Amino acid sequence: MESNARPRVLVVDDERVIADTLSIILNQAGFEASAVYSGEDAVAHARRQPLDLIIADVVMPDMNGIEAAIVIRELLPTCKILLFSGQASTADLLEDARHRGYEFDILAKPIHPQDLLAKIRG
């Protein structure tokens, strides 16, 4: 990636308002962000375009965020993946991923945009 290129970020959430809002905030903060609304769409997007960061909700219908993150990690090994969730069931899904050899950062929903930007830049 060129040094002056904006980092490419994909926001994944089945709640469109959340995905779109985070995408707007990230674009205003200097990222090249786009939004998709399912795990399947995230994987398809990752197959088409290299990404620097994925921010994905965990609990989504069909393919959850952890399943999508595992597939994307295989496709794009250097892509940073940040998960967020507002549900307690996430712990079991994360533990299963750990047993399969995958470790992901997770943030609690709702997340304040400044906290998200600090986590991304940190």
N, C-alpha and C. Protein backbone atom coordinates (compact mmCIF):
# COMPACT_ATOMS: atom_id res chain seq x y z
N MET A 1 0.84 -1.18 0.00
CA MET A 1 0.00 0.00 0.00
C MET A 1 0.88 1.24 0.00
N GLU A 2 0.53 2.23 -0.80
CA GLU A 2 1.28 3.47 -0.85
C GLU A 2 1.16 4.18 0.48
N SER A 3 2.21 4.92 0.86
CA SER A 3 2.21 5.58 2.16
C SER A 3 1.13 6.66 2.27
N ASN A 4 0.72 7.24 1.14
CA ASN A 4 -0.31 8.28 1.21
C ASN A 4 -1.71 7.72 0.98
N ALA A 5 -1.81 6.43 0.75
CA ALA A 5 -3.12 5.82 0.53
C ALA A 5 -3.89 5.74 1.85
N ARG A 6 -5.18 5.94 1.76
CA ARG A 6 -6.01 5.84 2.96
C ARG A 6 -6.25 4.36 3.27
N PRO A 7 -6.15 3.97 4.54
CA PRO A 7 -6.40 2.57 4.89
C PRO A 7 -7.83 2.17 4.49
N ARG A 8 -7.95 1.00 3.87
CA ARG A 8 -9.26 0.49 3.45
C ARG A 8 -9.91 -0.28 4.59
N VAL A 9 -11.11 0.16 4.94
CA VAL A 9 -11.85 -0.43 6.05
C VAL A 9 -13.21 -0.89 5.56
N LEU A 10 -13.61 -2.06 6.01
CA LEU A 10 -14.95 -2.58 5.72
C LEU A 10 -15.70 -2.71 7.04
N VAL A 11 -16.88 -2.09 7.12
CA VAL A 11 -17.74 -2.19 8.29
C VAL A 11 -18.85 -3.18 7.97
N VAL A 12 -19.05 -4.16 8.86
CA VAL A 12 -20.02 -5.22 8.62
C VAL A 12 -21.01 -5.27 9.78
N ASP A 13 -22.27 -4.99 9.50
CA ASP A 13 -23.31 -5.08 10.53
C ASP A 13 -24.64 -5.24 9.84
N ASP A 14 -25.47 -6.17 10.34
CA ASP A 14 -26.78 -6.36 9.74
C ASP A 14 -27.72 -5.21 10.09
N GLU A 15 -27.35 -4.38 11.06
CA GLU A 15 -28.11 -3.16 11.33
C GLU A 15 -27.51 -2.08 10.44
N ARG A 16 -28.21 -1.80 9.35
CA ARG A 16 -27.67 -0.91 8.32
C ARG A 16 -27.29 0.47 8.85
N VAL A 17 -28.09 1.00 9.76
CA VAL A 17 -27.81 2.34 10.30
C VAL A 17 -26.44 2.34 10.99
N ILE A 18 -26.14 1.29 11.74
CA ILE A 18 -24.85 1.22 12.43
C ILE A 18 -23.72 1.12 11.42
N ALA A 19 -23.84 0.21 10.45
CA ALA A 19 -22.78 0.03 9.45
C ALA A 19 -22.56 1.32 8.67
N ASP A 20 -23.64 1.95 8.22
CA ASP A 20 -23.51 3.17 7.43
C ASP A 20 -22.92 4.31 8.25
N THR A 21 -23.37 4.44 9.50
CA THR A 21 -22.87 5.52 10.36
C THR A 21 -21.38 5.36 10.65
N LEU A 22 -20.97 4.15 10.99
CA LEU A 22 -19.54 3.92 11.25
C LEU A 22 -18.71 4.18 10.00
N SER A 23 -19.23 3.79 8.86
CA SER A 23 -18.52 4.02 7.60
C SER A 23 -18.33 5.52 7.36
N ILE A 24 -19.36 6.31 7.59
CA ILE A 24 -19.27 7.77 7.42
C ILE A 24 -18.24 8.35 8.38
N ILE A 25 -18.29 7.93 9.65
CA ILE A 25 -17.34 8.43 10.66
C ILE A 25 -15.91 8.10 10.25
N LEU A 26 -15.69 6.88 9.79
CA LEU A 26 -14.34 6.47 9.39
C LEU A 26 -13.86 7.23 8.16
N ASN A 27 -14.74 7.46 7.20
CA ASN A 27 -14.37 8.24 6.02
C ASN A 27 -13.98 9.66 6.42
N GLN A 28 -14.73 10.25 7.35
CA GLN A 28 -14.40 11.60 7.82
C GLN A 28 -13.09 11.62 8.60
N ALA A 29 -12.71 10.48 9.17
CA ALA A 29 -11.48 10.39 9.96
C ALA A 29 -10.26 10.03 9.10
N GLY A 30 -10.45 9.95 7.78
CA GLY A 30 -9.32 9.72 6.90
C GLY A 30 -9.15 8.31 6.38
N PHE A 31 -10.13 7.46 6.62
CA PHE A 31 -10.09 6.09 6.10
C PHE A 31 -10.90 6.02 4.81
N GLU A 32 -10.67 4.97 4.05
CA GLU A 32 -11.50 4.66 2.88
C GLU A 32 -12.42 3.54 3.32
N ALA A 33 -13.59 3.91 3.85
CA ALA A 33 -14.48 2.93 4.47
C ALA A 33 -15.72 2.68 3.62
N SER A 34 -16.18 1.44 3.66
CA SER A 34 -17.44 1.09 3.04
C SER A 34 -18.17 0.13 3.98
N ALA A 35 -19.46 -0.05 3.73
CA ALA A 35 -20.28 -0.87 4.61
C ALA A 35 -20.95 -1.99 3.83
N VAL A 36 -21.06 -3.14 4.46
CA VAL A 36 -21.88 -4.25 3.97
C VAL A 36 -22.70 -4.75 5.14
N TYR A 37 -23.71 -5.56 4.86
CA TYR A 37 -24.72 -5.86 5.87
C TYR A 37 -24.86 -7.33 6.22
N SER A 38 -23.86 -8.14 5.82
CA SER A 38 -23.90 -9.56 6.18
C SER A 38 -22.48 -10.13 6.13
N GLY A 39 -22.30 -11.25 6.82
CA GLY A 39 -21.01 -11.92 6.77
C GLY A 39 -20.66 -12.38 5.37
N GLU A 40 -21.67 -12.87 4.65
CA GLU A 40 -21.43 -13.34 3.28
C GLU A 40 -20.94 -12.20 2.39
N ASP A 41 -21.57 -11.02 2.53
CA ASP A 41 -21.15 -9.87 1.73
C ASP A 41 -19.74 -9.43 2.11
N ALA A 42 -19.39 -9.56 3.39
CA ALA A 42 -18.03 -9.19 3.83
C ALA A 42 -16.99 -10.09 3.16
N VAL A 43 -17.26 -11.39 3.13
CA VAL A 43 -16.33 -12.33 2.50
C VAL A 43 -16.22 -12.04 1.00
N ALA A 44 -17.36 -11.79 0.35
CA ALA A 44 -17.34 -11.48 -1.08
C ALA A 44 -16.54 -10.20 -1.34
N HIS A 45 -16.71 -9.21 -0.50
CA HIS A 45 -15.97 -7.95 -0.66
C HIS A 45 -14.47 -8.19 -0.48
N ALA A 46 -14.11 -9.00 0.52
CA ALA A 46 -12.70 -9.29 0.78
C ALA A 46 -12.06 -10.06 -0.38
N ARG A 47 -12.84 -10.86 -1.08
CA ARG A 47 -12.32 -11.58 -2.24
C ARG A 47 -12.03 -10.62 -3.40
N ARG A 48 -12.80 -9.52 -3.49
CA ARG A 48 -12.67 -8.56 -4.60
C ARG A 48 -11.63 -7.48 -4.34
N GLN A 49 -11.46 -7.10 -3.08
CA GLN A 49 -10.62 -5.93 -2.80
C GLN A 49 -9.79 -6.16 -1.54
N PRO A 50 -8.48 -5.89 -1.61
CA PRO A 50 -7.65 -5.99 -0.41
C PRO A 50 -8.14 -4.99 0.63
N LEU A 51 -8.11 -5.39 1.89
CA LEU A 51 -8.56 -4.54 2.98
C LEU A 51 -7.48 -4.47 4.05
N ASP A 52 -7.46 -3.35 4.77
CA ASP A 52 -6.52 -3.19 5.87
C ASP A 52 -7.18 -3.52 7.21
N LEU A 53 -8.50 -3.31 7.28
CA LEU A 53 -9.22 -3.51 8.55
C LEU A 53 -10.66 -3.90 8.26
N ILE A 54 -11.15 -4.85 9.05
CA ILE A 54 -12.57 -5.21 9.03
C ILE A 54 -13.09 -4.93 10.44
N ILE A 55 -14.21 -4.25 10.51
CA ILE A 55 -14.91 -4.03 11.78
C ILE A 55 -16.26 -4.71 11.61
N ALA A 56 -16.48 -5.79 12.37
CA ALA A 56 -17.69 -6.59 12.14
C ALA A 56 -18.46 -6.87 13.42
N ASP A 57 -19.77 -6.77 13.31
CA ASP A 57 -20.64 -7.22 14.38
C ASP A 57 -20.50 -8.74 14.46
N VAL A 58 -20.65 -9.29 15.65
CA VAL A 58 -20.54 -10.74 15.81
C VAL A 58 -21.86 -11.41 15.47
N VAL A 59 -22.94 -10.94 16.06
CA VAL A 59 -24.22 -11.63 15.94
C VAL A 59 -24.99 -11.09 14.73
N MET A 60 -24.98 -11.91 13.67
CA MET A 60 -25.71 -11.60 12.45
C MET A 60 -26.35 -12.89 11.95
N PRO A 61 -27.45 -12.78 11.21
CA PRO A 61 -28.06 -13.99 10.66
C PRO A 61 -27.15 -14.66 9.63
N ASP A 62 -27.40 -15.92 9.37
CA ASP A 62 -26.64 -16.71 8.41
C ASP A 62 -25.18 -16.85 8.88
N MET A 63 -24.27 -16.08 8.33
CA MET A 63 -22.86 -16.17 8.71
C MET A 63 -22.55 -15.09 9.75
N ASN A 64 -22.17 -15.52 10.97
CA ASN A 64 -21.87 -14.51 11.99
C ASN A 64 -20.51 -13.86 11.74
N GLY A 65 -20.22 -12.82 12.50
CA GLY A 65 -19.00 -12.06 12.30
C GLY A 65 -17.73 -12.85 12.53
N ILE A 66 -17.77 -13.79 13.47
CA ILE A 66 -16.58 -14.61 13.73
C ILE A 66 -16.34 -15.56 12.57
N GLU A 67 -17.40 -16.19 12.07
CA GLU A 67 -17.23 -17.07 10.91
C GLU A 67 -16.67 -16.29 9.72
N ALA A 68 -17.21 -15.10 9.48
CA ALA A 68 -16.72 -14.27 8.37
C ALA A 68 -15.26 -13.88 8.62
N ALA A 69 -14.93 -13.53 9.86
CA ALA A 69 -13.55 -13.13 10.19
C ALA A 69 -12.56 -14.25 9.93
N ILE A 70 -12.95 -15.48 10.25
CA ILE A 70 -12.06 -16.63 10.02
C ILE A 70 -11.80 -16.82 8.52
N VAL A 71 -12.86 -16.74 7.71
CA VAL A 71 -12.69 -16.88 6.26
C VAL A 71 -11.82 -15.74 5.72
N ILE A 72 -12.09 -14.53 6.17
CA ILE A 72 -11.34 -13.37 5.69
C ILE A 72 -9.88 -13.44 6.14
N ARG A 73 -9.63 -13.92 7.35
CA ARG A 73 -8.25 -14.07 7.82
C ARG A 73 -7.48 -15.02 6.91
N GLU A 74 -8.15 -16.06 6.40
CA GLU A 74 -7.51 -16.98 5.45
C GLU A 74 -7.22 -16.28 4.12
N LEU A 75 -8.16 -15.45 3.67
CA LEU A 75 -8.00 -14.73 2.40
C LEU A 75 -6.98 -13.60 2.49
N LEU A 76 -7.03 -12.86 3.60
CA LEU A 76 -6.20 -11.67 3.78
C LEU A 76 -5.48 -11.75 5.14
N PRO A 77 -4.40 -12.52 5.22
CA PRO A 77 -3.75 -12.77 6.51
C PRO A 77 -3.26 -11.52 7.24
N THR A 78 -2.99 -10.43 6.52
CA THR A 78 -2.48 -9.22 7.18
C THR A 78 -3.59 -8.24 7.56
N CYS A 79 -4.82 -8.54 7.19
CA CYS A 79 -5.94 -7.66 7.50
C CYS A 79 -6.24 -7.70 8.99
N LYS A 80 -6.32 -6.53 9.61
CA LYS A 80 -6.68 -6.45 11.03
C LYS A 80 -8.19 -6.64 11.12
N ILE A 81 -8.62 -7.40 12.13
CA ILE A 81 -10.05 -7.66 12.29
C ILE A 81 -10.45 -7.27 13.70
N LEU A 82 -11.48 -6.43 13.79
CA LEU A 82 -12.00 -5.95 15.05
C LEU A 82 -13.48 -6.31 15.11
N LEU A 83 -13.88 -7.03 16.13
CA LEU A 83 -15.27 -7.45 16.26
C LEU A 83 -15.95 -6.63 17.35
N PHE A 84 -17.26 -6.45 17.21
CA PHE A 84 -18.00 -5.81 18.28
C PHE A 84 -19.35 -6.49 18.44
N SER A 85 -19.85 -6.45 19.68
CA SER A 85 -21.09 -7.15 19.96
C SER A 85 -21.77 -6.56 21.17
N GLY A 86 -23.08 -6.64 21.17
CA GLY A 86 -23.85 -6.22 22.33
C GLY A 86 -24.47 -7.39 23.04
N GLN A 87 -24.06 -8.60 22.69
CA GLN A 87 -24.71 -9.79 23.25
C GLN A 87 -23.73 -10.68 24.01
N ALA A 88 -24.20 -11.23 25.10
CA ALA A 88 -23.36 -12.07 25.96
C ALA A 88 -22.96 -13.38 25.28
N SER A 89 -23.75 -13.87 24.34
CA SER A 89 -23.45 -15.15 23.68
C SER A 89 -22.15 -15.11 22.89
N THR A 90 -21.62 -13.92 22.69
CA THR A 90 -20.39 -13.74 21.93
C THR A 90 -19.22 -14.49 22.57
N ALA A 91 -19.18 -14.56 23.89
CA ALA A 91 -18.06 -15.20 24.58
C ALA A 91 -17.88 -16.65 24.13
N ASP A 92 -18.97 -17.38 23.98
CA ASP A 92 -18.88 -18.77 23.53
C ASP A 92 -18.35 -18.86 22.10
N LEU A 93 -18.81 -17.95 21.24
CA LEU A 93 -18.34 -17.95 19.86
C LEU A 93 -16.84 -17.63 19.79
N LEU A 94 -16.39 -16.68 20.60
CA LEU A 94 -14.97 -16.33 20.63
C LEU A 94 -14.13 -17.49 21.15
N GLU A 95 -14.64 -18.17 22.17
CA GLU A 95 -13.91 -19.31 22.73
C GLU A 95 -13.76 -20.41 21.69
N ASP A 96 -14.82 -20.66 20.92
CA ASP A 96 -14.76 -21.65 19.85
C ASP A 96 -13.71 -21.25 18.81
N ALA A 97 -13.67 -19.98 18.44
CA ALA A 97 -12.68 -19.51 17.47
C ALA A 97 -11.27 -19.69 18.03
N ARG A 98 -11.07 -19.40 19.33
CA ARG A 98 -9.75 -19.58 19.96
C ARG A 98 -9.30 -21.03 19.86
N HIS A 99 -10.23 -21.94 20.12
CA HIS A 99 -9.91 -23.37 20.04
C HIS A 99 -9.51 -23.77 18.62
N ARG A 100 -10.00 -23.04 17.65
CA ARG A 100 -9.67 -23.31 16.24
C ARG A 100 -8.41 -22.55 15.81
N GLY A 101 -7.80 -21.79 16.73
CA GLY A 101 -6.54 -21.12 16.44
C GLY A 101 -6.67 -19.68 15.98
N TYR A 102 -7.82 -19.06 16.22
CA TYR A 102 -8.04 -17.68 15.79
C TYR A 102 -8.29 -16.80 17.01
N GLU A 103 -7.62 -15.67 17.04
CA GLU A 103 -7.77 -14.71 18.13
C GLU A 103 -8.21 -13.38 17.54
N PHE A 104 -9.27 -12.81 18.09
CA PHE A 104 -9.80 -11.54 17.58
C PHE A 104 -10.03 -10.57 18.73
N ASP A 105 -9.78 -9.28 18.47
CA ASP A 105 -10.13 -8.23 19.42
C ASP A 105 -11.63 -8.03 19.36
N ILE A 106 -12.22 -7.72 20.52
CA ILE A 106 -13.66 -7.46 20.54
C ILE A 106 -13.96 -6.24 21.39
N LEU A 107 -14.92 -5.46 20.92
CA LEU A 107 -15.40 -4.28 21.64
C LEU A 107 -16.88 -4.47 21.94
N ALA A 108 -17.34 -3.87 23.03
CA ALA A 108 -18.75 -3.96 23.40
C ALA A 108 -19.55 -2.88 22.67
N LYS A 109 -20.75 -3.25 22.26
CA LYS A 109 -21.69 -2.29 21.67
C LYS A 109 -22.53 -1.73 22.80
N PRO A 110 -22.97 -0.51 22.76
CA PRO A 110 -22.62 0.46 21.74
C PRO A 110 -21.22 1.02 21.98
N ILE A 111 -20.54 1.37 20.92
CA ILE A 111 -19.20 1.93 21.05
C ILE A 111 -19.21 3.38 20.61
N HIS A 112 -18.56 4.21 21.38
CA HIS A 112 -18.46 5.63 21.03
C HIS A 112 -17.45 5.75 19.89
N PRO A 113 -17.77 6.57 18.89
CA PRO A 113 -16.86 6.71 17.74
C PRO A 113 -15.42 7.05 18.13
N GLN A 114 -15.22 7.91 19.13
CA GLN A 114 -13.86 8.27 19.54
C GLN A 114 -13.13 7.05 20.10
N ASP A 115 -13.86 6.20 20.85
CA ASP A 115 -13.24 4.97 21.38
C ASP A 115 -12.85 4.03 20.26
N LEU A 116 -13.70 3.94 19.24
CA LEU A 116 -13.42 3.09 18.09
C LEU A 116 -12.18 3.60 17.36
N LEU A 117 -12.11 4.89 17.11
CA LEU A 117 -10.96 5.45 16.41
C LEU A 117 -9.67 5.25 17.22
N ALA A 118 -9.78 5.39 18.54
CA ALA A 118 -8.59 5.17 19.39
C ALA A 118 -8.13 3.72 19.31
N LYS A 119 -9.07 2.79 19.28
CA LYS A 119 -8.72 1.37 19.19
C LYS A 119 -8.07 1.06 17.84
N ILE A 120 -8.60 1.62 16.77
CA ILE A 120 -8.07 1.38 15.43
C ILE A 120 -6.67 1.94 15.31
N ARG A 121 -6.48 3.14 15.80
CA ARG A 121 -5.18 3.82 15.67
C ARG A 121 -4.17 3.33 16.67
N GLY A 122 -4.66 2.74 17.78
CA GLY A 122 -3.79 2.31 18.86
C GLY A 122 -3.00 1.12 18.48
